[in-house]
Amino acid sequence: MEDDYYSVESILAENQKIQCQFKIDIPDMGHLDGGNERDIKALSKIQIPMWMAYILIYSLVMSGYVPHPQLSS
């Protein structure tokens, strides 16, 4: 993804939302779910932007599947 920094397709792909499940309680981040809850509880499933999912999945806070980008020919 680093090679196509200015690519419109890459920008749109990064904003694509994916379904993820949190492994632990996350305080003060309930706004990510769009609801009225203050915290995100463990095992909650929410859709978040792909760029954020990368960070949270690799920090082992949540689980989810981040698809590999498909290159157009």
N, C-alpha and C. Protein backbone atom coordinates (compact mmCIF):
# COMPACT_ATOMS: atom_id res chain seq x y z
N MET A 1 0.81 -1.20 0.00
CA MET A 1 0.00 0.00 0.00
C MET A 1 0.85 1.26 0.00
N GLU A 2 2.10 1.15 0.43
CA GLU A 2 2.95 2.33 0.49
C GLU A 2 3.25 2.89 -0.89
N ASP A 3 3.26 2.00 -1.92
CA ASP A 3 3.61 2.43 -3.26
C ASP A 3 2.53 3.28 -3.92
N ASP A 4 1.29 3.13 -3.50
CA ASP A 4 0.22 3.88 -4.13
C ASP A 4 -0.41 4.88 -3.15
N TYR A 5 0.41 5.71 -2.59
CA TYR A 5 -0.02 6.70 -1.60
C TYR A 5 -1.10 7.62 -2.16
N TYR A 6 -0.97 8.02 -3.43
CA TYR A 6 -1.91 8.96 -4.03
C TYR A 6 -3.03 8.26 -4.80
N SER A 7 -3.11 6.96 -4.74
CA SER A 7 -4.12 6.20 -5.48
C SER A 7 -5.49 6.36 -4.83
N VAL A 8 -6.47 6.75 -5.62
CA VAL A 8 -7.84 6.90 -5.12
C VAL A 8 -8.37 5.55 -4.64
N GLU A 9 -8.04 4.48 -5.36
CA GLU A 9 -8.48 3.15 -4.97
C GLU A 9 -7.94 2.78 -3.59
N SER A 10 -6.69 3.12 -3.33
CA SER A 10 -6.09 2.81 -2.02
C SER A 10 -6.74 3.61 -0.91
N ILE A 11 -7.02 4.86 -1.18
CA ILE A 11 -7.67 5.71 -0.18
C ILE A 11 -9.06 5.16 0.16
N LEU A 12 -9.82 4.78 -0.86
CA LEU A 12 -11.15 4.23 -0.63
C LEU A 12 -11.07 2.89 0.09
N ALA A 13 -10.09 2.08 -0.25
CA ALA A 13 -9.93 0.78 0.40
C ALA A 13 -9.62 0.95 1.88
N GLU A 14 -8.82 1.93 2.22
CA GLU A 14 -8.47 2.17 3.62
C GLU A 14 -9.69 2.60 4.43
N ASN A 15 -10.67 3.23 3.80
CA ASN A 15 -11.87 3.66 4.51
C ASN A 15 -12.97 2.61 4.50
N GLN A 16 -12.74 1.50 3.82
CA GLN A 16 -13.70 0.39 3.81
C GLN A 16 -13.82 -0.17 5.23
N LYS A 17 -15.04 -0.42 5.68
CA LYS A 17 -15.23 -0.94 7.04
C LYS A 17 -15.28 -2.46 7.02
N ILE A 18 -14.72 -3.07 8.08
CA ILE A 18 -14.74 -4.51 8.22
C ILE A 18 -15.26 -4.88 9.61
N GLN A 19 -15.86 -6.05 9.70
CA GLN A 19 -16.43 -6.55 10.96
C GLN A 19 -15.30 -7.10 11.84
N CYS A 20 -15.26 -6.67 13.09
CA CYS A 20 -14.24 -7.13 14.03
C CYS A 20 -14.88 -7.41 15.38
N GLN A 21 -14.19 -8.21 16.18
CA GLN A 21 -14.68 -8.55 17.52
C GLN A 21 -13.58 -8.24 18.53
N PHE A 22 -13.94 -7.46 19.54
CA PHE A 22 -12.97 -7.08 20.57
C PHE A 22 -12.73 -8.22 21.53
N LYS A 23 -11.48 -8.42 21.92
CA LYS A 23 -11.10 -9.49 22.84
C LYS A 23 -11.16 -9.05 24.29
N ILE A 24 -11.04 -7.75 24.53
CA ILE A 24 -11.02 -7.21 25.89
C ILE A 24 -11.94 -5.99 25.96
N ASP A 25 -12.27 -5.57 27.18
CA ASP A 25 -13.02 -4.33 27.37
C ASP A 25 -12.12 -3.14 27.03
N ILE A 26 -12.69 -2.17 26.31
CA ILE A 26 -11.96 -0.96 25.94
C ILE A 26 -12.71 0.23 26.53
N PRO A 27 -12.15 0.88 27.55
CA PRO A 27 -12.84 2.01 28.18
C PRO A 27 -12.83 3.26 27.29
N ASP A 28 -13.91 4.01 27.38
CA ASP A 28 -14.04 5.33 26.73
C ASP A 28 -13.92 5.29 25.21
N MET A 29 -14.24 4.18 24.57
CA MET A 29 -14.17 4.11 23.12
C MET A 29 -15.50 3.67 22.50
N GLY A 30 -16.56 3.77 23.27
CA GLY A 30 -17.87 3.36 22.78
C GLY A 30 -18.35 4.12 21.57
N HIS A 31 -17.82 5.31 21.34
CA HIS A 31 -18.23 6.10 20.19
C HIS A 31 -17.88 5.41 18.87
N LEU A 32 -16.93 4.48 18.87
CA LEU A 32 -16.58 3.77 17.64
C LEU A 32 -17.74 2.94 17.12
N ASP A 33 -18.59 2.49 18.02
CA ASP A 33 -19.74 1.67 17.64
C ASP A 33 -20.92 2.52 17.19
N GLY A 34 -20.87 3.80 17.45
CA GLY A 34 -21.95 4.69 17.05
C GLY A 34 -23.14 4.68 17.99
N GLY A 35 -23.03 3.97 19.10
CA GLY A 35 -24.13 3.89 20.06
C GLY A 35 -23.94 4.85 21.22
N ASN A 36 -24.72 4.63 22.27
CA ASN A 36 -24.67 5.48 23.45
C ASN A 36 -23.78 4.93 24.55
N GLU A 37 -23.24 3.74 24.36
CA GLU A 37 -22.40 3.12 25.38
C GLU A 37 -21.07 3.86 25.51
N ARG A 38 -20.59 3.98 26.74
CA ARG A 38 -19.32 4.66 26.98
C ARG A 38 -18.12 3.77 26.64
N ASP A 39 -18.23 2.48 26.97
CA ASP A 39 -17.13 1.54 26.77
C ASP A 39 -17.50 0.50 25.72
N ILE A 40 -16.49 -0.14 25.16
CA ILE A 40 -16.70 -1.30 24.29
C ILE A 40 -16.40 -2.53 25.13
N LYS A 41 -17.36 -3.42 25.21
CA LYS A 41 -17.21 -4.63 26.02
C LYS A 41 -16.53 -5.73 25.21
N ALA A 42 -15.83 -6.62 25.91
CA ALA A 42 -15.22 -7.77 25.26
C ALA A 42 -16.30 -8.57 24.53
N LEU A 43 -15.95 -9.11 23.40
CA LEU A 43 -16.80 -9.91 22.52
C LEU A 43 -17.79 -9.07 21.73
N SER A 44 -17.72 -7.73 21.85
CA SER A 44 -18.56 -6.86 21.03
C SER A 44 -18.08 -6.93 19.59
N LYS A 45 -19.04 -6.96 18.67
CA LYS A 45 -18.71 -6.97 17.24
C LYS A 45 -19.13 -5.63 16.65
N ILE A 46 -18.20 -4.95 16.04
CA ILE A 46 -18.50 -3.69 15.39
C ILE A 46 -17.75 -3.61 14.07
N GLN A 47 -18.19 -2.70 13.21
CA GLN A 47 -17.49 -2.45 11.96
C GLN A 47 -16.66 -1.19 12.13
N ILE A 48 -15.40 -1.30 11.78
CA ILE A 48 -14.50 -0.15 11.87
C ILE A 48 -13.71 -0.02 10.57
N PRO A 49 -13.19 1.17 10.29
CA PRO A 49 -12.40 1.36 9.07
C PRO A 49 -11.17 0.44 9.06
N MET A 50 -10.80 0.02 7.87
CA MET A 50 -9.70 -0.92 7.73
C MET A 50 -8.40 -0.39 8.33
N TRP A 51 -8.14 0.92 8.19
CA TRP A 51 -6.88 1.46 8.71
C TRP A 51 -6.82 1.30 10.23
N MET A 52 -7.96 1.42 10.90
CA MET A 52 -7.98 1.25 12.35
C MET A 52 -7.92 -0.23 12.73
N ALA A 53 -8.54 -1.07 11.92
CA ALA A 53 -8.52 -2.51 12.18
C ALA A 53 -7.10 -3.05 12.17
N TYR A 54 -6.28 -2.60 11.22
CA TYR A 54 -4.88 -3.03 11.17
C TYR A 54 -4.21 -2.81 12.53
N ILE A 55 -4.37 -1.64 13.07
CA ILE A 55 -3.71 -1.28 14.32
C ILE A 55 -4.22 -2.14 15.48
N LEU A 56 -5.54 -2.27 15.59
CA LEU A 56 -6.12 -2.99 16.72
C LEU A 56 -5.92 -4.50 16.63
N ILE A 57 -5.97 -5.06 15.44
CA ILE A 57 -5.76 -6.50 15.29
C ILE A 57 -4.33 -6.86 15.62
N TYR A 58 -3.39 -6.09 15.10
CA TYR A 58 -1.98 -6.42 15.33
C TYR A 58 -1.51 -6.07 16.74
N SER A 59 -2.28 -5.29 17.48
CA SER A 59 -1.95 -5.06 18.88
C SER A 59 -2.68 -6.06 19.78
N LEU A 60 -3.34 -7.03 19.16
CA LEU A 60 -4.02 -8.14 19.84
C LEU A 60 -5.20 -7.70 20.71
N VAL A 61 -5.78 -6.55 20.42
CA VAL A 61 -6.93 -6.05 21.16
C VAL A 61 -8.22 -6.64 20.61
N MET A 62 -8.22 -6.99 19.33
CA MET A 62 -9.42 -7.52 18.70
C MET A 62 -9.05 -8.53 17.63
N SER A 63 -10.03 -9.26 17.19
CA SER A 63 -9.80 -10.22 16.12
C SER A 63 -10.66 -9.83 14.92
N GLY A 64 -10.18 -10.16 13.78
CA GLY A 64 -10.89 -9.86 12.55
C GLY A 64 -10.06 -10.30 11.37
N TYR A 65 -10.64 -10.24 10.22
CA TYR A 65 -9.95 -10.62 9.00
C TYR A 65 -9.73 -9.37 8.16
N VAL A 66 -8.48 -9.05 7.91
CA VAL A 66 -8.14 -7.92 7.05
C VAL A 66 -7.75 -8.49 5.70
N PRO A 67 -8.59 -8.30 4.68
CA PRO A 67 -8.29 -8.87 3.37
C PRO A 67 -7.09 -8.19 2.73
N HIS A 68 -6.36 -8.94 1.92
CA HIS A 68 -5.24 -8.37 1.19
C HIS A 68 -5.79 -7.49 0.07
N PRO A 69 -5.14 -6.36 -0.20
CA PRO A 69 -5.61 -5.50 -1.28
C PRO A 69 -5.47 -6.21 -2.62
N GLN A 70 -6.46 -6.03 -3.47
CA GLN A 70 -6.41 -6.61 -4.81
C GLN A 70 -5.93 -5.55 -5.77
N LEU A 71 -4.93 -5.90 -6.52
CA LEU A 71 -4.38 -4.98 -7.50
C LEU A 71 -5.16 -5.07 -8.79
N SER A 72 -5.52 -3.92 -9.33
CA SER A 72 -6.21 -3.92 -10.61
C SER A 72 -5.18 -3.95 -11.73
N SER A 73 -5.53 -4.61 -12.80
CA SER A 73 -4.57 -4.73 -13.91
C SER A 73 -4.80 -3.69 -14.97
